[in-house]
Amino acid sequence: MCNIIEEANFILDSNLTIREAAKKLGVSKSSLHRHMSKYLINIDYDLYLKIKNVFLEHNKIRHINGGLATRQKYLLKE
């Protein structure tokens, strides 16, 4: 298992979502989210702010990706 700083740097370098990063790192998404939102703020505040911005960007486009996935699902059914 990686430490919190390594997890944060991995997310920044790869720009993966929480779910994708957790799968690659071999931890649960709940644990990874807790590491990034509760523990990282006390360890490295600047890194925490960078991670927070990545997660906010992912939240902004989440509904678009969901809509595209739904559209693709129904196109395949036809």
PDB file of N, CA and C in Angstrom:
ATOM      1  N   MET A   1       0.841  -1.190   0.000  1.00  0.00           N
ATOM      2  CA  MET A   1       0.000   0.000   0.000  1.00  0.00           C
ATOM      3  C   MET A   1       0.881   1.246   0.000  1.00  0.00           C
ATOM      4  N   CYS A   2       0.533   2.212  -0.799  1.00  0.00           N
ATOM      5  CA  CYS A   2       1.312   3.440  -0.925  1.00  0.00           C
ATOM      6  C   CYS A   2       1.020   4.378   0.241  1.00  0.00           C
ATOM      7  N   ASN A   3       1.910   5.329   0.427  1.00  0.00           N
ATOM      8  CA  ASN A   3       1.582   6.339   1.418  1.00  0.00           C
ATOM      9  C   ASN A   3       0.757   7.442   0.769  1.00  0.00           C
ATOM     10  N   ILE A   4       0.251   8.336   1.562  1.00  0.00           N
ATOM     11  CA  ILE A   4      -0.712   9.333   1.102  1.00  0.00           C
ATOM     12  C   ILE A   4      -0.105  10.294   0.078  1.00  0.00           C
ATOM     13  N   ILE A   5       1.120  10.708   0.285  1.00  0.00           N
ATOM     14  CA  ILE A   5       1.784  11.614  -0.661  1.00  0.00           C
ATOM     15  C   ILE A   5       1.950  10.933  -2.022  1.00  0.00           C
ATOM     16  N   GLU A   6       2.345   9.668  -2.016  1.00  0.00           N
ATOM     17  CA  GLU A   6       2.502   8.933  -3.279  1.00  0.00           C
ATOM     18  C   GLU A   6       1.164   8.786  -3.983  1.00  0.00           C
ATOM     19  N   GLU A   7       0.106   8.518  -3.232  1.00  0.00           N
ATOM     20  CA  GLU A   7      -1.230   8.407  -3.828  1.00  0.00           C
ATOM     21  C   GLU A   7      -1.633   9.721  -4.479  1.00  0.00           C
ATOM     22  N   ALA A   8      -1.401  10.829  -3.782  1.00  0.00           N
ATOM     23  CA  ALA A   8      -1.772  12.145  -4.313  1.00  0.00           C
ATOM     24  C   ALA A   8      -0.977  12.462  -5.578  1.00  0.00           C
ATOM     25  N   ASN A   9       0.310  12.198  -5.556  1.00  0.00           N
ATOM     26  CA  ASN A   9       1.132  12.456  -6.741  1.00  0.00           C
ATOM     27  C   ASN A   9       0.710  11.582  -7.916  1.00  0.00           C
ATOM     28  N   PHE A  10       0.319  10.349  -7.639  1.00  0.00           N
ATOM     29  CA  PHE A  10      -0.164   9.455  -8.688  1.00  0.00           C
ATOM     30  C   PHE A  10      -1.420  10.030  -9.339  1.00  0.00           C
ATOM     31  N   ILE A  11      -2.339  10.521  -8.520  1.00  0.00           N
ATOM     32  CA  ILE A  11      -3.583  11.097  -9.045  1.00  0.00           C
ATOM     33  C   ILE A  11      -3.275  12.335  -9.883  1.00  0.00           C
ATOM     34  N   LEU A  12      -2.373  13.186  -9.406  1.00  0.00           N
ATOM     35  CA  LEU A  12      -2.018  14.394 -10.161  1.00  0.00           C
ATOM     36  C   LEU A  12      -1.354  14.056 -11.491  1.00  0.00           C
ATOM     37  N   ASP A  13      -0.444  13.094 -11.460  1.00  0.00           N
ATOM     38  CA  ASP A  13       0.283  12.720 -12.683  1.00  0.00           C
ATOM     39  C   ASP A  13      -0.617  12.050 -13.712  1.00  0.00           C
ATOM     40  N   SER A  14      -1.525  11.216 -13.242  1.00  0.00           N
ATOM     41  CA  SER A  14      -2.353  10.431 -14.155  1.00  0.00           C
ATOM     42  C   SER A  14      -3.691  11.089 -14.478  1.00  0.00           C
ATOM     43  N   ASN A  15      -4.131  12.037 -13.634  1.00  0.00           N
ATOM     44  CA  ASN A  15      -5.429  12.699 -13.780  1.00  0.00           C
ATOM     45  C   ASN A  15      -6.584  11.693 -13.805  1.00  0.00           C
ATOM     46  N   LEU A  16      -6.438  10.622 -13.050  1.00  0.00           N
ATOM     47  CA  LEU A  16      -7.488   9.614 -12.965  1.00  0.00           C
ATOM     48  C   LEU A  16      -8.546  10.031 -11.953  1.00  0.00           C
ATOM     49  N   THR A  17      -9.747   9.474 -12.108  1.00  0.00           N
ATOM     50  CA  THR A  17     -10.786   9.696 -11.120  1.00  0.00           C
ATOM     51  C   THR A  17     -10.458   8.890  -9.864  1.00  0.00           C
ATOM     52  N   ILE A  18     -11.196   9.162  -8.802  1.00  0.00           N
ATOM     53  CA  ILE A  18     -10.995   8.424  -7.548  1.00  0.00           C
ATOM     54  C   ILE A  18     -11.157   6.926  -7.785  1.00  0.00           C
ATOM     55  N   ARG A  19     -12.215   6.564  -8.487  1.00  0.00           N
ATOM     56  CA  ARG A  19     -12.504   5.154  -8.731  1.00  0.00           C
ATOM     57  C   ARG A  19     -11.383   4.481  -9.529  1.00  0.00           C
ATOM     58  N   GLU A  20     -10.923   5.143 -10.591  1.00  0.00           N
ATOM     59  CA  GLU A  20      -9.862   4.579 -11.421  1.00  0.00           C
ATOM     60  C   GLU A  20      -8.535   4.497 -10.661  1.00  0.00           C
ATOM     61  N   ALA A  21      -8.214   5.554  -9.917  1.00  0.00           N
ATOM     62  CA  ALA A  21      -6.960   5.575  -9.157  1.00  0.00           C
ATOM     63  C   ALA A  21      -6.966   4.518  -8.059  1.00  0.00           C
ATOM     64  N   ALA A  22      -8.087   4.364  -7.392  1.00  0.00           N
ATOM     65  CA  ALA A  22      -8.181   3.369  -6.319  1.00  0.00           C
ATOM     66  C   ALA A  22      -7.948   1.965  -6.872  1.00  0.00           C
ATOM     67  N   LYS A  23      -8.506   1.706  -8.037  1.00  0.00           N
ATOM     68  CA  LYS A  23      -8.325   0.393  -8.655  1.00  0.00           C
ATOM     69  C   LYS A  23      -6.851   0.156  -8.994  1.00  0.00           C
ATOM     70  N   LYS A  24      -6.194   1.166  -9.566  1.00  0.00           N
ATOM     71  CA  LYS A  24      -4.772   1.037  -9.928  1.00  0.00           C
ATOM     72  C   LYS A  24      -3.882   0.892  -8.696  1.00  0.00           C
ATOM     73  N   LEU A  25      -4.232   1.604  -7.613  1.00  0.00           N
ATOM     74  CA  LEU A  25      -3.413   1.579  -6.401  1.00  0.00           C
ATOM     75  C   LEU A  25      -3.726   0.392  -5.492  1.00  0.00           C
ATOM     76  N   GLY A  26      -4.829  -0.285  -5.752  1.00  0.00           N
ATOM     77  CA  GLY A  26      -5.186  -1.450  -4.952  1.00  0.00           C
ATOM     78  C   GLY A  26      -5.770  -1.110  -3.594  1.00  0.00           C
ATOM     79  N   VAL A  27      -6.466   0.035  -3.513  1.00  0.00           N
ATOM     80  CA  VAL A  27      -7.152   0.420  -2.280  1.00  0.00           C
ATOM     81  C   VAL A  27      -8.608   0.697  -2.625  1.00  0.00           C
ATOM     82  N   SER A  28      -9.448   0.767  -1.613  1.00  0.00           N
ATOM     83  CA  SER A  28     -10.856   1.070  -1.875  1.00  0.00           C
ATOM     84  C   SER A  28     -10.997   2.556  -2.177  1.00  0.00           C
ATOM     85  N   LYS A  29     -12.033   2.900  -2.923  1.00  0.00           N
ATOM     86  CA  LYS A  29     -12.224   4.312  -3.251  1.00  0.00           C
ATOM     87  C   LYS A  29     -12.572   5.115  -2.010  1.00  0.00           C
ATOM     88  N   SER A  30     -13.231   4.483  -1.047  1.00  0.00           N
ATOM     89  CA  SER A  30     -13.541   5.176   0.205  1.00  0.00           C
ATOM     90  C   SER A  30     -12.269   5.529   0.964  1.00  0.00           C
ATOM     91  N   SER A  31     -11.340   4.590   1.021  1.00  0.00           N
ATOM     92  CA  SER A  31     -10.067   4.844   1.705  1.00  0.00           C
ATOM     93  C   SER A  31      -9.275   5.924   0.991  1.00  0.00           C
ATOM     94  N   LEU A  32      -9.218   5.839  -0.322  1.00  0.00           N
ATOM     95  CA  LEU A  32      -8.469   6.830  -1.090  1.00  0.00           C
ATOM     96  C   LEU A  32      -9.077   8.217  -0.914  1.00  0.00           C
ATOM     97  N   HIS A  33     -10.387   8.298  -0.958  1.00  0.00           N
ATOM     98  CA  HIS A  33     -11.056   9.589  -0.775  1.00  0.00           C
ATOM     99  C   HIS A  33     -10.780  10.140   0.620  1.00  0.00           C
ATOM    100  N   ARG A  34     -10.825   9.289   1.636  1.00  0.00           N
ATOM    101  CA  ARG A  34     -10.535   9.711   3.007  1.00  0.00           C
ATOM    102  C   ARG A  34      -9.094  10.206   3.120  1.00  0.00           C
ATOM    103  N   HIS A  35      -8.168   9.501   2.489  1.00  0.00           N
ATOM    104  CA  HIS A  35      -6.761   9.921   2.506  1.00  0.00           C
ATOM    105  C   HIS A  35      -6.607  11.313   1.900  1.00  0.00           C
ATOM    106  N   MET A  36      -7.278  11.536   0.762  1.00  0.00           N
ATOM    107  CA  MET A  36      -7.121  12.795   0.053  1.00  0.00           C
ATOM    108  C   MET A  36      -7.872  13.948   0.719  1.00  0.00           C
ATOM    109  N   SER A  37      -9.011  13.668   1.341  1.00  0.00           N
ATOM    110  CA  SER A  37      -9.821  14.761   1.879  1.00  0.00           C
ATOM    111  C   SER A  37      -9.570  15.046   3.356  1.00  0.00           C
ATOM    112  N   LYS A  38      -9.175  14.055   4.128  1.00  0.00           N
ATOM    113  CA  LYS A  38      -9.012  14.269   5.568  1.00  0.00           C
ATOM    114  C   LYS A  38      -7.562  14.281   6.021  1.00  0.00           C
ATOM    115  N   TYR A  39      -6.741  13.410   5.481  1.00  0.00           N
ATOM    116  CA  TYR A  39      -5.375  13.285   5.978  1.00  0.00           C
ATOM    117  C   TYR A  39      -4.393  14.175   5.234  1.00  0.00           C
ATOM    118  N   LEU A  40      -4.568  14.319   3.935  1.00  0.00           N
ATOM    119  CA  LEU A  40      -3.619  15.075   3.128  1.00  0.00           C
ATOM    120  C   LEU A  40      -3.580  16.547   3.535  1.00  0.00           C
ATOM    121  N   ILE A  41      -4.706  17.086   3.949  1.00  0.00           N
ATOM    122  CA  ILE A  41      -4.773  18.499   4.339  1.00  0.00           C
ATOM    123  C   ILE A  41      -3.803  18.808   5.483  1.00  0.00           C
ATOM    124  N   ASN A  42      -3.587  17.848   6.363  1.00  0.00           N
ATOM    125  CA  ASN A  42      -2.676  18.042   7.498  1.00  0.00           C
ATOM    126  C   ASN A  42      -1.222  17.732   7.142  1.00  0.00           C
ATOM    127  N   ILE A  43      -1.017  16.978   6.087  1.00  0.00           N
ATOM    128  CA  ILE A  43       0.336  16.578   5.697  1.00  0.00           C
ATOM    129  C   ILE A  43       0.958  17.602   4.752  1.00  0.00           C
ATOM    130  N   ASP A  44       0.230  17.958   3.697  1.00  0.00           N
ATOM    131  CA  ASP A  44       0.750  18.882   2.682  1.00  0.00           C
ATOM    132  C   ASP A  44      -0.430  19.675   2.116  1.00  0.00           C
ATOM    133  N   TYR A  45      -0.629  20.872   2.630  1.00  0.00           N
ATOM    134  CA  TYR A  45      -1.797  21.667   2.272  1.00  0.00           C
ATOM    135  C   TYR A  45      -1.796  22.059   0.793  1.00  0.00           C
ATOM    136  N   ASP A  46      -0.637  22.407   0.238  1.00  0.00           N
ATOM    137  CA  ASP A  46      -0.566  22.781  -1.182  1.00  0.00           C
ATOM    138  C   ASP A  46      -0.951  21.613  -2.088  1.00  0.00           C
ATOM    139  N   LEU A  47      -0.470  20.435  -1.751  1.00  0.00           N
ATOM    140  CA  LEU A  47      -0.824  19.236  -2.515  1.00  0.00           C
ATOM    141  C   LEU A  47      -2.311  18.932  -2.373  1.00  0.00           C
ATOM    142  N   TYR A  48      -2.849  19.142  -1.181  1.00  0.00           N
ATOM    143  CA  TYR A  48      -4.288  18.964  -0.945  1.00  0.00           C
ATOM    144  C   TYR A  48      -5.100  19.870  -1.867  1.00  0.00           C
ATOM    145  N   LEU A  49      -4.687  21.132  -2.012  1.00  0.00           N
ATOM    146  CA  LEU A  49      -5.419  22.063  -2.874  1.00  0.00           C
ATOM    147  C   LEU A  49      -5.383  21.626  -4.335  1.00  0.00           C
ATOM    148  N   LYS A  50      -4.248  21.090  -4.768  1.00  0.00           N
ATOM    149  CA  LYS A  50      -4.144  20.590  -6.145  1.00  0.00           C
ATOM    150  C   LYS A  50      -5.078  19.410  -6.369  1.00  0.00           C
ATOM    151  N   ILE A  51      -5.105  18.489  -5.409  1.00  0.00           N
ATOM    152  CA  ILE A  51      -5.991  17.319  -5.506  1.00  0.00           C
ATOM    153  C   ILE A  51      -7.446  17.761  -5.493  1.00  0.00           C
ATOM    154  N   LYS A  52      -7.759  18.712  -4.634  1.00  0.00           N
ATOM    155  CA  LYS A  52      -9.131  19.219  -4.545  1.00  0.00           C
ATOM    156  C   LYS A  52      -9.577  19.789  -5.888  1.00  0.00           C
ATOM    157  N   ASN A  53      -8.682  20.517  -6.566  1.00  0.00           N
ATOM    158  CA  ASN A  53      -9.014  21.069  -7.886  1.00  0.00           C
ATOM    159  C   ASN A  53      -9.238  19.976  -8.920  1.00  0.00           C
ATOM    160  N   VAL A  54      -8.443  18.917  -8.870  1.00  0.00           N
ATOM    161  CA  VAL A  54      -8.629  17.785  -9.790  1.00  0.00           C
ATOM    162  C   VAL A  54     -10.009  17.163  -9.562  1.00  0.00           C
ATOM    163  N   PHE A  55     -10.359  16.953  -8.306  1.00  0.00           N
ATOM    164  CA  PHE A  55     -11.654  16.343  -7.996  1.00  0.00           C
ATOM    165  C   PHE A  55     -12.817  17.248  -8.389  1.00  0.00           C
ATOM    166  N   LEU A  56     -12.650  18.561  -8.220  1.00  0.00           N
ATOM    167  CA  LEU A  56     -13.708  19.488  -8.637  1.00  0.00           C
ATOM    168  C   LEU A  56     -13.900  19.454 -10.153  1.00  0.00           C
ATOM    169  N   GLU A  57     -12.811  19.358 -10.893  1.00  0.00           N
ATOM    170  CA  GLU A  57     -12.914  19.244 -12.352  1.00  0.00           C
ATOM    171  C   GLU A  57     -13.636  17.958 -12.752  1.00  0.00           C
ATOM    172  N   HIS A  58     -13.316  16.868 -12.073  1.00  0.00           N
ATOM    173  CA  HIS A  58     -13.979  15.597 -12.362  1.00  0.00           C
ATOM    174  C   HIS A  58     -15.469  15.682 -12.051  1.00  0.00           C
ATOM    175  N   ASN A  59     -15.830  16.378 -10.972  1.00  0.00           N
ATOM    176  CA  ASN A  59     -17.246  16.537 -10.633  1.00  0.00           C
ATOM    177  C   ASN A  59     -17.978  17.384 -11.666  1.00  0.00           C
ATOM    178  N   LYS A  60     -17.289  18.376 -12.234  1.00  0.00           N
ATOM    179  CA  LYS A  60     -17.918  19.237 -13.241  1.00  0.00           C
ATOM    180  C   LYS A  60     -18.294  18.461 -14.502  1.00  0.00           C
ATOM    181  N   ILE A  61     -17.480  17.479 -14.882  1.00  0.00           N
ATOM    182  CA  ILE A  61     -17.751  16.758 -16.121  1.00  0.00           C
ATOM    183  C   ILE A  61     -18.449  15.414 -15.898  1.00  0.00           C
ATOM    184  N   ARG A  62     -18.731  15.092 -14.658  1.00  0.00           N
ATOM    185  CA  ARG A  62     -19.341  13.798 -14.342  1.00  0.00           C
ATOM    186  C   ARG A  62     -20.678  13.612 -15.061  1.00  0.00           C
ATOM    187  N   HIS A  63     -21.531  14.629 -15.039  1.00  0.00           N
ATOM    188  CA  HIS A  63     -22.846  14.489 -15.666  1.00  0.00           C
ATOM    189  C   HIS A  63     -22.731  14.348 -17.183  1.00  0.00           C
ATOM    190  N   ILE A  64     -21.718  14.962 -17.767  1.00  0.00           N
ATOM    191  CA  ILE A  64     -21.517  14.830 -19.210  1.00  0.00           C
ATOM    192  C   ILE A  64     -21.108  13.402 -19.559  1.00  0.00           C
ATOM    193  N   ASN A  65     -20.170  12.860 -18.808  1.00  0.00           N
ATOM    194  CA  ASN A  65     -19.735  11.478 -19.054  1.00  0.00           C
ATOM    195  C   ASN A  65     -20.868  10.489 -18.838  1.00  0.00           C
ATOM    196  N   GLY A  66     -21.682  10.738 -17.830  1.00  0.00           N
ATOM    197  CA  GLY A  66     -22.828   9.862 -17.579  1.00  0.00           C
ATOM    198  C   GLY A  66     -23.819   9.897 -18.732  1.00  0.00           C
ATOM    199  N   GLY A  67     -24.058  11.091 -19.270  1.00  0.00           N
ATOM    200  CA  GLY A  67     -24.967  11.232 -20.403  1.00  0.00           C
ATOM    201  C   GLY A  67     -24.428  10.536 -21.641  1.00  0.00           C
ATOM    202  N   LEU A  68     -23.134  10.654 -21.865  1.00  0.00           N
ATOM    203  CA  LEU A  68     -22.527   9.986 -23.026  1.00  0.00           C
ATOM    204  C   LEU A  68     -22.595   8.468 -22.885  1.00  0.00           C
ATOM    205  N   ALA A  69     -22.388   7.974 -21.666  1.00  0.00           N
ATOM    206  CA  ALA A  69     -22.461   6.532 -21.437  1.00  0.00           C
ATOM    207  C   ALA A  69     -23.882   6.021 -21.667  1.00  0.00           C
ATOM    208  N   THR A  70     -24.854   6.774 -21.209  1.00  0.00           N
ATOM    209  CA  THR A  70     -26.258   6.384 -21.409  1.00  0.00           C
ATOM    210  C   THR A  70     -26.602   6.401 -22.898  1.00  0.00           C
ATOM    211  N   ARG A  71     -26.161   7.426 -23.593  1.00  0.00           N
ATOM    212  CA  ARG A  71     -26.417   7.514 -25.033  1.00  0.00           C
ATOM    213  C   ARG A  71     -25.809   6.320 -25.754  1.00  0.00           C
ATOM    214  N   GLN A  72     -24.581   5.982 -25.405  1.00  0.00           N
ATOM    215  CA  GLN A  72     -23.904   4.854 -26.034  1.00  0.00           C
ATOM    216  C   GLN A  72     -24.628   3.544 -25.748  1.00  0.00           C
ATOM    217  N   LYS A  73     -25.121   3.403 -24.532  1.00  0.00           N
ATOM    218  CA  LYS A  73     -25.851   2.194 -24.143  1.00  0.00           C
ATOM    219  C   LYS A  73     -27.081   1.989 -25.023  1.00  0.00           C
ATOM    220  N   TYR A  74     -27.841   3.070 -25.254  1.00  0.00           N
ATOM    221  CA  TYR A  74     -29.044   2.935 -26.040  1.00  0.00           C
ATOM    222  C   TYR A  74     -28.763   2.833 -27.540  1.00  0.00           C
ATOM    223  N   LEU A  75     -27.654   3.386 -27.994  1.00  0.00           N
ATOM    224  CA  LEU A  75     -27.283   3.221 -29.390  1.00  0.00           C
ATOM    225  C   LEU A  75     -26.914   1.776 -29.696  1.00  0.00           C
ATOM    226  N   LEU A  76     -26.297   1.114 -28.725  1.00  0.00           N
ATOM    227  CA  LEU A  76     -25.907  -0.290 -28.909  1.00  0.00           C
ATOM    228  C   LEU A  76     -27.134  -1.211 -28.889  1.00  0.00           C
ATOM    229  N   LYS A  77     -28.206  -0.819 -28.226  1.00  0.00           N
ATOM    230  CA  LYS A  77     -29.405  -1.652 -28.151  1.00  0.00           C
ATOM    231  C   LYS A  77     -30.184  -1.662 -29.462  1.00  0.00           C
ATOM    232  N   GLU A  78     -29.989  -0.626 -30.281  1.00  0.00           N
ATOM    233  CA  GLU A  78     -30.749  -0.523 -31.539  1.00  0.00           C
ATOM    234  C   GLU A  78     -30.254  -1.461 -32.596  1.00  0.00           C
TER     235      GLU A  78
END
